[in-house]
N, C-alpha and C. Protein backbone atom coordinates (compact mmCIF):
# COMPACT_ATOMS: atom_id res chain seq x y z
N MET A 1 -62.12 -8.08 -87.76
CA MET A 1 -61.23 -7.58 -86.76
C MET A 1 -61.55 -8.20 -85.41
N GLU A 2 -62.81 -8.36 -85.06
CA GLU A 2 -63.21 -8.94 -83.78
C GLU A 2 -62.76 -10.38 -83.67
N ILE A 3 -62.76 -11.12 -84.72
CA ILE A 3 -62.36 -12.53 -84.71
C ILE A 3 -60.89 -12.64 -84.32
N LYS A 4 -60.04 -11.73 -84.79
CA LYS A 4 -58.62 -11.76 -84.43
C LYS A 4 -58.45 -11.58 -82.91
N TYR A 5 -59.21 -10.68 -82.33
CA TYR A 5 -59.12 -10.46 -80.89
C TYR A 5 -59.61 -11.66 -80.10
N ILE A 6 -60.70 -12.25 -80.56
CA ILE A 6 -61.24 -13.43 -79.89
C ILE A 6 -60.24 -14.58 -79.97
N LEU A 7 -59.66 -14.80 -81.15
CA LEU A 7 -58.66 -15.85 -81.30
C LEU A 7 -57.43 -15.58 -80.43
N ALA A 8 -57.01 -14.33 -80.36
CA ALA A 8 -55.85 -13.98 -79.54
C ALA A 8 -56.13 -14.28 -78.07
N VAL A 9 -57.32 -13.94 -77.58
CA VAL A 9 -57.69 -14.20 -76.19
C VAL A 9 -57.73 -15.70 -75.94
N LEU A 10 -58.30 -16.47 -76.85
CA LEU A 10 -58.35 -17.92 -76.68
C LEU A 10 -56.95 -18.53 -76.64
N VAL A 11 -56.05 -18.06 -77.48
CA VAL A 11 -54.68 -18.57 -77.49
C VAL A 11 -54.00 -18.26 -76.15
N VAL A 12 -54.20 -17.06 -75.64
CA VAL A 12 -53.61 -16.69 -74.35
C VAL A 12 -54.15 -17.57 -73.24
N ILE A 13 -55.46 -17.82 -73.25
CA ILE A 13 -56.09 -18.66 -72.22
C ILE A 13 -55.54 -20.08 -72.31
N MET A 14 -55.43 -20.61 -73.49
CA MET A 14 -54.93 -21.98 -73.67
C MET A 14 -53.48 -22.07 -73.22
N LEU A 15 -52.67 -21.11 -73.56
CA LEU A 15 -51.26 -21.14 -73.19
C LEU A 15 -51.07 -20.97 -71.69
N SER A 16 -51.91 -20.18 -71.06
CA SER A 16 -51.77 -19.99 -69.62
C SER A 16 -52.09 -21.27 -68.87
N GLY A 17 -52.96 -22.09 -69.40
CA GLY A 17 -53.27 -23.38 -68.80
C GLY A 17 -52.15 -24.39 -68.95
N CYS A 18 -51.25 -24.17 -69.90
CA CYS A 18 -50.13 -25.08 -70.14
C CYS A 18 -48.87 -24.66 -69.40
N ALA A 19 -48.88 -23.53 -68.78
CA ALA A 19 -47.68 -23.03 -68.10
C ALA A 19 -47.31 -23.94 -66.93
N ALA A 20 -46.03 -24.12 -66.72
CA ALA A 20 -45.55 -24.95 -65.61
C ALA A 20 -45.66 -24.18 -64.31
N LYS A 21 -45.96 -24.90 -63.26
CA LYS A 21 -46.04 -24.29 -61.95
C LYS A 21 -44.62 -24.06 -61.43
N VAL A 22 -44.36 -22.85 -60.94
CA VAL A 22 -43.05 -22.51 -60.39
C VAL A 22 -43.14 -22.65 -58.88
N PRO A 23 -42.21 -23.39 -58.25
CA PRO A 23 -42.29 -23.56 -56.79
C PRO A 23 -42.17 -22.22 -56.09
N GLU A 24 -43.01 -22.04 -55.03
CA GLU A 24 -42.98 -20.81 -54.25
C GLU A 24 -42.01 -20.91 -53.09
N GLN A 25 -41.78 -22.13 -52.60
CA GLN A 25 -40.89 -22.33 -51.47
C GLN A 25 -39.91 -23.44 -51.79
N PRO A 26 -38.73 -23.39 -51.18
CA PRO A 26 -37.77 -24.48 -51.39
C PRO A 26 -38.38 -25.79 -50.95
N GLY A 27 -38.14 -26.84 -51.70
CA GLY A 27 -38.65 -28.16 -51.35
C GLY A 27 -40.02 -28.45 -51.91
N GLU A 28 -40.72 -27.46 -52.44
CA GLU A 28 -42.05 -27.67 -53.02
C GLU A 28 -41.87 -28.31 -54.39
N THR A 29 -42.68 -29.31 -54.68
CA THR A 29 -42.55 -29.99 -55.97
C THR A 29 -43.17 -29.15 -57.06
N VAL A 30 -42.60 -29.26 -58.27
CA VAL A 30 -43.11 -28.52 -59.41
C VAL A 30 -44.39 -29.15 -59.90
N ASN A 31 -44.45 -30.46 -59.94
CA ASN A 31 -45.63 -31.17 -60.41
C ASN A 31 -46.23 -31.93 -59.23
N PRO A 32 -47.35 -31.46 -58.67
CA PRO A 32 -47.90 -32.10 -57.49
C PRO A 32 -48.42 -33.51 -57.74
N GLU A 33 -48.55 -33.94 -58.99
CA GLU A 33 -49.04 -35.29 -59.28
C GLU A 33 -47.95 -36.34 -59.16
N VAL A 34 -46.70 -35.92 -59.10
CA VAL A 34 -45.59 -36.85 -58.97
C VAL A 34 -45.42 -37.18 -57.50
N THR A 35 -45.40 -38.47 -57.15
CA THR A 35 -45.22 -38.85 -55.75
C THR A 35 -43.82 -39.44 -55.57
N LEU A 36 -43.26 -39.16 -54.42
CA LEU A 36 -41.93 -39.66 -54.10
C LEU A 36 -42.03 -41.08 -53.59
N PRO A 37 -40.96 -41.86 -53.74
CA PRO A 37 -40.96 -43.19 -53.11
C PRO A 37 -41.11 -43.02 -51.60
N ALA A 38 -41.64 -44.03 -50.92
CA ALA A 38 -41.95 -43.95 -49.49
C ALA A 38 -40.75 -43.50 -48.66
N GLU A 39 -39.55 -43.99 -49.00
CA GLU A 39 -38.38 -43.64 -48.20
C GLU A 39 -37.96 -42.18 -48.38
N GLU A 40 -38.43 -41.50 -49.42
CA GLU A 40 -38.07 -40.12 -49.66
C GLU A 40 -39.17 -39.14 -49.24
N GLN A 41 -40.33 -39.66 -48.85
CA GLN A 41 -41.42 -38.78 -48.47
C GLN A 41 -41.19 -38.23 -47.07
N PRO A 42 -41.54 -36.96 -46.87
CA PRO A 42 -41.37 -36.38 -45.54
C PRO A 42 -42.34 -37.03 -44.56
N PRO A 43 -41.98 -37.08 -43.27
CA PRO A 43 -42.88 -37.67 -42.29
C PRO A 43 -44.18 -36.87 -42.20
N VAL A 44 -45.26 -37.58 -41.95
CA VAL A 44 -46.57 -36.95 -41.84
C VAL A 44 -46.90 -36.83 -40.36
N GLY A 45 -47.33 -35.66 -39.96
CA GLY A 45 -47.70 -35.47 -38.56
C GLY A 45 -48.05 -34.01 -38.33
N PRO A 46 -48.53 -33.73 -37.13
CA PRO A 46 -48.90 -32.34 -36.85
C PRO A 46 -47.65 -31.46 -36.82
N GLU A 47 -47.77 -30.29 -37.40
CA GLU A 47 -46.66 -29.36 -37.44
C GLU A 47 -46.90 -28.20 -36.50
N GLY A 48 -47.91 -28.26 -35.68
CA GLY A 48 -48.22 -27.19 -34.75
C GLY A 48 -49.72 -27.09 -34.58
N PRO A 49 -50.17 -26.10 -33.86
CA PRO A 49 -51.61 -25.98 -33.64
C PRO A 49 -52.35 -25.62 -34.92
N VAL A 50 -53.54 -26.16 -35.06
CA VAL A 50 -54.39 -25.84 -36.18
C VAL A 50 -54.87 -24.40 -36.00
N GLU A 51 -55.01 -23.69 -37.11
CA GLU A 51 -55.43 -22.29 -37.02
C GLU A 51 -56.71 -22.20 -36.21
N GLY A 52 -56.73 -21.28 -35.25
CA GLY A 52 -57.89 -21.09 -34.41
C GLY A 52 -57.78 -21.82 -33.08
N GLU A 53 -56.90 -22.85 -33.00
CA GLU A 53 -56.70 -23.56 -31.74
C GLU A 53 -55.66 -22.83 -30.92
N LEU A 54 -55.82 -22.87 -29.62
CA LEU A 54 -54.82 -22.29 -28.74
C LEU A 54 -53.83 -23.38 -28.36
N GLU A 55 -52.56 -23.05 -28.38
CA GLU A 55 -51.55 -24.01 -27.99
C GLU A 55 -51.49 -24.05 -26.47
N GLU A 56 -51.47 -25.25 -25.90
CA GLU A 56 -51.39 -25.40 -24.47
C GLU A 56 -50.04 -24.92 -23.98
N PRO A 57 -49.98 -24.37 -22.77
CA PRO A 57 -48.68 -24.01 -22.22
C PRO A 57 -47.79 -25.25 -22.19
N GLU A 58 -46.51 -25.01 -22.18
CA GLU A 58 -45.52 -26.04 -22.44
C GLU A 58 -45.61 -27.27 -21.56
N ALA A 59 -45.87 -27.14 -20.28
CA ALA A 59 -45.68 -28.30 -19.45
C ALA A 59 -46.90 -28.69 -18.64
N VAL A 60 -47.38 -29.88 -18.89
CA VAL A 60 -48.37 -30.51 -18.05
C VAL A 60 -47.82 -31.90 -17.85
N GLY A 61 -47.27 -32.17 -16.66
CA GLY A 61 -46.63 -33.46 -16.46
C GLY A 61 -46.00 -33.54 -15.10
N GLU A 62 -45.06 -34.44 -14.97
CA GLU A 62 -44.44 -34.73 -13.69
C GLU A 62 -43.36 -33.73 -13.30
N VAL A 63 -42.50 -33.34 -14.25
CA VAL A 63 -41.41 -32.43 -13.95
C VAL A 63 -41.37 -31.35 -15.02
N THR A 64 -41.22 -30.11 -14.60
CA THR A 64 -41.20 -28.99 -15.54
C THR A 64 -40.11 -28.02 -15.15
N ASP A 65 -39.40 -27.50 -16.15
CA ASP A 65 -38.33 -26.55 -15.90
C ASP A 65 -38.74 -25.14 -16.30
N VAL A 66 -38.31 -24.16 -15.50
CA VAL A 66 -38.49 -22.75 -15.80
C VAL A 66 -37.10 -22.12 -15.74
N GLN A 67 -36.76 -21.36 -16.76
CA GLN A 67 -35.47 -20.67 -16.75
C GLN A 67 -35.65 -19.33 -16.04
N VAL A 68 -34.70 -19.03 -15.16
CA VAL A 68 -34.68 -17.74 -14.49
C VAL A 68 -33.63 -16.91 -15.21
N LEU A 69 -34.10 -15.95 -15.98
CA LEU A 69 -33.22 -15.09 -16.75
C LEU A 69 -32.95 -13.82 -15.96
N ARG A 70 -32.11 -12.97 -16.46
CA ARG A 70 -31.78 -11.73 -15.73
C ARG A 70 -32.98 -10.80 -15.60
N ALA A 71 -33.95 -10.90 -16.51
CA ALA A 71 -35.07 -9.96 -16.50
C ALA A 71 -36.44 -10.64 -16.40
N GLY A 72 -36.50 -11.95 -16.15
CA GLY A 72 -37.80 -12.59 -16.05
C GLY A 72 -37.72 -14.09 -16.13
N PHE A 73 -38.89 -14.73 -15.96
CA PHE A 73 -39.01 -16.18 -16.05
C PHE A 73 -39.34 -16.58 -17.48
N ASP A 74 -38.86 -17.75 -17.89
CA ASP A 74 -39.20 -18.29 -19.20
C ASP A 74 -39.60 -19.74 -19.03
N PRO A 75 -40.90 -20.08 -19.12
CA PRO A 75 -42.03 -19.22 -19.45
C PRO A 75 -42.46 -18.40 -18.23
N GLU A 76 -43.14 -17.30 -18.52
CA GLU A 76 -43.63 -16.41 -17.47
C GLU A 76 -44.87 -17.00 -16.79
N GLU A 77 -45.70 -17.71 -17.60
CA GLU A 77 -46.88 -18.37 -17.06
C GLU A 77 -46.81 -19.84 -17.43
N LEU A 78 -47.17 -20.69 -16.46
CA LEU A 78 -47.03 -22.12 -16.64
C LEU A 78 -48.29 -22.80 -16.10
N THR A 79 -48.81 -23.78 -16.83
CA THR A 79 -49.95 -24.56 -16.36
C THR A 79 -49.49 -26.00 -16.18
N VAL A 80 -49.70 -26.55 -14.97
CA VAL A 80 -49.26 -27.91 -14.65
C VAL A 80 -50.39 -28.65 -13.95
N SER A 81 -50.22 -29.95 -13.82
CA SER A 81 -51.20 -30.75 -13.08
C SER A 81 -50.75 -30.89 -11.63
N VAL A 82 -51.69 -31.22 -10.76
CA VAL A 82 -51.37 -31.43 -9.34
C VAL A 82 -50.31 -32.52 -9.25
N GLY A 83 -49.32 -32.31 -8.40
CA GLY A 83 -48.25 -33.29 -8.21
C GLY A 83 -47.02 -33.02 -9.05
N THR A 84 -47.06 -32.00 -9.90
CA THR A 84 -45.92 -31.69 -10.75
C THR A 84 -44.83 -30.98 -9.95
N VAL A 85 -43.58 -31.38 -10.20
CA VAL A 85 -42.43 -30.70 -9.61
C VAL A 85 -41.94 -29.68 -10.63
N VAL A 86 -41.90 -28.42 -10.22
CA VAL A 86 -41.38 -27.35 -11.08
C VAL A 86 -39.98 -27.00 -10.60
N THR A 87 -39.04 -26.95 -11.54
CA THR A 87 -37.66 -26.61 -11.23
C THR A 87 -37.31 -25.28 -11.88
N TRP A 88 -36.89 -24.32 -11.08
CA TRP A 88 -36.42 -23.04 -11.60
C TRP A 88 -34.91 -23.11 -11.68
N LYS A 89 -34.35 -22.85 -12.85
CA LYS A 89 -32.90 -22.90 -13.04
C LYS A 89 -32.38 -21.49 -13.34
N ASN A 90 -31.44 -21.05 -12.52
CA ASN A 90 -30.86 -19.72 -12.68
C ASN A 90 -29.89 -19.72 -13.86
N MET A 91 -30.22 -18.93 -14.86
CA MET A 91 -29.40 -18.85 -16.07
C MET A 91 -28.41 -17.67 -16.02
N GLY A 92 -28.44 -16.88 -14.96
CA GLY A 92 -27.51 -15.76 -14.84
C GLY A 92 -27.94 -14.78 -13.78
N GLY A 93 -26.97 -14.18 -13.11
CA GLY A 93 -27.27 -13.22 -12.06
C GLY A 93 -27.52 -13.92 -10.74
N VAL A 94 -28.05 -13.16 -9.78
CA VAL A 94 -28.37 -13.69 -8.45
C VAL A 94 -29.87 -13.51 -8.24
N HIS A 95 -30.54 -14.56 -7.79
CA HIS A 95 -31.99 -14.54 -7.63
C HIS A 95 -32.40 -15.27 -6.36
N ILE A 96 -33.55 -14.91 -5.82
CA ILE A 96 -34.23 -15.67 -4.77
C ILE A 96 -35.66 -15.87 -5.27
N ILE A 97 -36.07 -17.12 -5.46
CA ILE A 97 -37.40 -17.43 -5.98
C ILE A 97 -38.37 -17.55 -4.81
N SER A 98 -39.46 -16.81 -4.87
CA SER A 98 -40.46 -16.83 -3.82
C SER A 98 -41.81 -17.21 -4.42
N ILE A 99 -42.39 -18.30 -3.92
CA ILE A 99 -43.74 -18.68 -4.29
C ILE A 99 -44.61 -18.06 -3.19
N THR A 100 -45.33 -17.01 -3.52
CA THR A 100 -46.02 -16.18 -2.54
C THR A 100 -46.84 -17.00 -1.56
N GLY A 101 -46.51 -16.87 -0.26
CA GLY A 101 -47.24 -17.53 0.80
C GLY A 101 -46.98 -19.02 0.92
N VAL A 102 -46.04 -19.57 0.13
CA VAL A 102 -45.84 -21.02 0.14
C VAL A 102 -44.41 -21.41 0.47
N ASP A 103 -43.44 -20.95 -0.31
CA ASP A 103 -42.05 -21.37 -0.14
C ASP A 103 -41.12 -20.33 -0.75
N LYS A 104 -39.85 -20.42 -0.35
CA LYS A 104 -38.85 -19.46 -0.84
C LYS A 104 -37.52 -20.18 -0.96
N SER A 105 -36.79 -19.89 -2.04
CA SER A 105 -35.49 -20.52 -2.25
C SER A 105 -34.41 -19.82 -1.44
N GLN A 106 -33.27 -20.45 -1.35
CA GLN A 106 -32.07 -19.80 -0.86
C GLN A 106 -31.59 -18.87 -1.97
N ARG A 107 -30.54 -18.13 -1.73
CA ARG A 107 -29.93 -17.27 -2.76
C ARG A 107 -29.37 -18.19 -3.85
N LEU A 108 -29.79 -17.94 -5.10
CA LEU A 108 -29.36 -18.75 -6.24
C LEU A 108 -28.37 -17.97 -7.09
N VAL A 109 -27.24 -18.59 -7.41
CA VAL A 109 -26.30 -18.01 -8.36
C VAL A 109 -26.43 -18.81 -9.65
N GLU A 110 -25.77 -18.34 -10.71
CA GLU A 110 -25.90 -18.98 -12.02
C GLU A 110 -25.65 -20.49 -11.93
N GLY A 111 -26.58 -21.25 -12.50
CA GLY A 111 -26.48 -22.71 -12.51
C GLY A 111 -27.25 -23.38 -11.38
N ASP A 112 -27.57 -22.65 -10.30
CA ASP A 112 -28.32 -23.21 -9.17
C ASP A 112 -29.78 -23.44 -9.56
N THR A 113 -30.42 -24.38 -8.86
CA THR A 113 -31.83 -24.67 -9.12
C THR A 113 -32.62 -24.63 -7.81
N PHE A 114 -33.93 -24.45 -7.97
CA PHE A 114 -34.88 -24.50 -6.85
C PHE A 114 -36.08 -25.30 -7.33
N GLU A 115 -36.51 -26.29 -6.54
CA GLU A 115 -37.64 -27.13 -6.92
C GLU A 115 -38.78 -26.99 -5.92
N TYR A 116 -39.99 -27.10 -6.45
CA TYR A 116 -41.17 -27.12 -5.59
C TYR A 116 -42.21 -28.04 -6.22
N LYS A 117 -42.80 -28.92 -5.40
CA LYS A 117 -43.86 -29.82 -5.87
C LYS A 117 -45.21 -29.21 -5.52
N PHE A 118 -46.04 -28.99 -6.55
CA PHE A 118 -47.36 -28.39 -6.37
C PHE A 118 -48.38 -29.50 -6.10
N ASN A 119 -48.78 -29.62 -4.83
CA ASN A 119 -49.69 -30.70 -4.42
C ASN A 119 -51.15 -30.26 -4.37
N GLU A 120 -51.42 -28.96 -4.53
CA GLU A 120 -52.79 -28.47 -4.47
C GLU A 120 -53.10 -27.59 -5.68
N ALA A 121 -54.31 -27.74 -6.20
CA ALA A 121 -54.74 -26.92 -7.33
C ALA A 121 -54.84 -25.46 -6.89
N GLY A 122 -54.61 -24.57 -7.83
CA GLY A 122 -54.72 -23.14 -7.54
C GLY A 122 -53.83 -22.34 -8.46
N THR A 123 -53.83 -21.04 -8.24
CA THR A 123 -52.97 -20.13 -9.01
C THR A 123 -51.95 -19.56 -8.05
N TYR A 124 -50.68 -19.74 -8.38
CA TYR A 124 -49.58 -19.33 -7.50
C TYR A 124 -48.79 -18.22 -8.17
N GLU A 125 -48.54 -17.14 -7.42
CA GLU A 125 -47.68 -16.07 -7.92
C GLU A 125 -46.25 -16.42 -7.51
N VAL A 126 -45.35 -16.33 -8.48
CA VAL A 126 -43.94 -16.59 -8.23
C VAL A 126 -43.21 -15.29 -8.50
N MET A 127 -42.24 -14.97 -7.63
CA MET A 127 -41.57 -13.68 -7.76
C MET A 127 -40.08 -13.84 -7.47
N ASP A 128 -39.28 -13.05 -8.15
CA ASP A 128 -37.87 -12.96 -7.80
C ASP A 128 -37.79 -11.92 -6.69
N ALA A 129 -37.37 -12.34 -5.50
CA ALA A 129 -37.35 -11.45 -4.34
C ALA A 129 -36.25 -10.39 -4.42
N ILE A 130 -35.31 -10.55 -5.35
CA ILE A 130 -34.24 -9.56 -5.49
C ILE A 130 -34.59 -8.54 -6.58
N ILE A 131 -34.96 -9.02 -7.77
CA ILE A 131 -35.20 -8.12 -8.91
C ILE A 131 -36.69 -7.76 -9.05
N HIS A 132 -37.56 -8.52 -8.42
CA HIS A 132 -39.00 -8.25 -8.35
C HIS A 132 -39.77 -8.49 -9.64
N PHE A 133 -39.29 -9.34 -10.55
CA PHE A 133 -40.15 -9.72 -11.67
C PHE A 133 -41.02 -10.88 -11.21
N LYS A 134 -42.18 -11.07 -11.90
CA LYS A 134 -43.17 -12.03 -11.46
C LYS A 134 -43.52 -13.04 -12.54
N GLY A 135 -44.07 -14.14 -12.09
CA GLY A 135 -44.58 -15.18 -12.97
C GLY A 135 -45.76 -15.84 -12.29
N THR A 136 -46.40 -16.77 -12.99
CA THR A 136 -47.58 -17.44 -12.48
C THR A 136 -47.50 -18.93 -12.77
N VAL A 137 -47.88 -19.75 -11.78
CA VAL A 137 -48.02 -21.19 -11.98
C VAL A 137 -49.48 -21.51 -11.70
N ILE A 138 -50.16 -22.07 -12.70
CA ILE A 138 -51.55 -22.47 -12.57
C ILE A 138 -51.55 -24.00 -12.42
N VAL A 139 -52.10 -24.48 -11.32
CA VAL A 139 -52.12 -25.92 -11.04
C VAL A 139 -53.57 -26.40 -11.15
N LYS A 140 -53.77 -27.38 -12.04
CA LYS A 140 -55.12 -27.91 -12.27
C LYS A 140 -55.21 -29.34 -11.80
């Protein structure tokens, strides 16, 4: 009787090793040993931050845009290098952009922009003088 059980277990183990892999996601190949011709292979490159790495804020460069929404800035916090021009674009409503202690825009209606060039390192508080939401520009 024990031999029948042992044989049954061995058959199950052998058959489970022969089972085909079912794709878990669309586009996943069923047999990973099959390679596609070069023209059909997906491009290779980084798809985002590696687990555990922090993604840098969006803009470190010469010109950076910030959207002024009805309820806040997008992005709310921005890190840029010295000499970067930041442009705030009003996406709706009426706003006045104030860089605390530095500069202030005229009244902006939808579609209007306000630019400021950050020539000195530091942390700058930016505020909508009408609705009073805040943001931060960190200049390194």
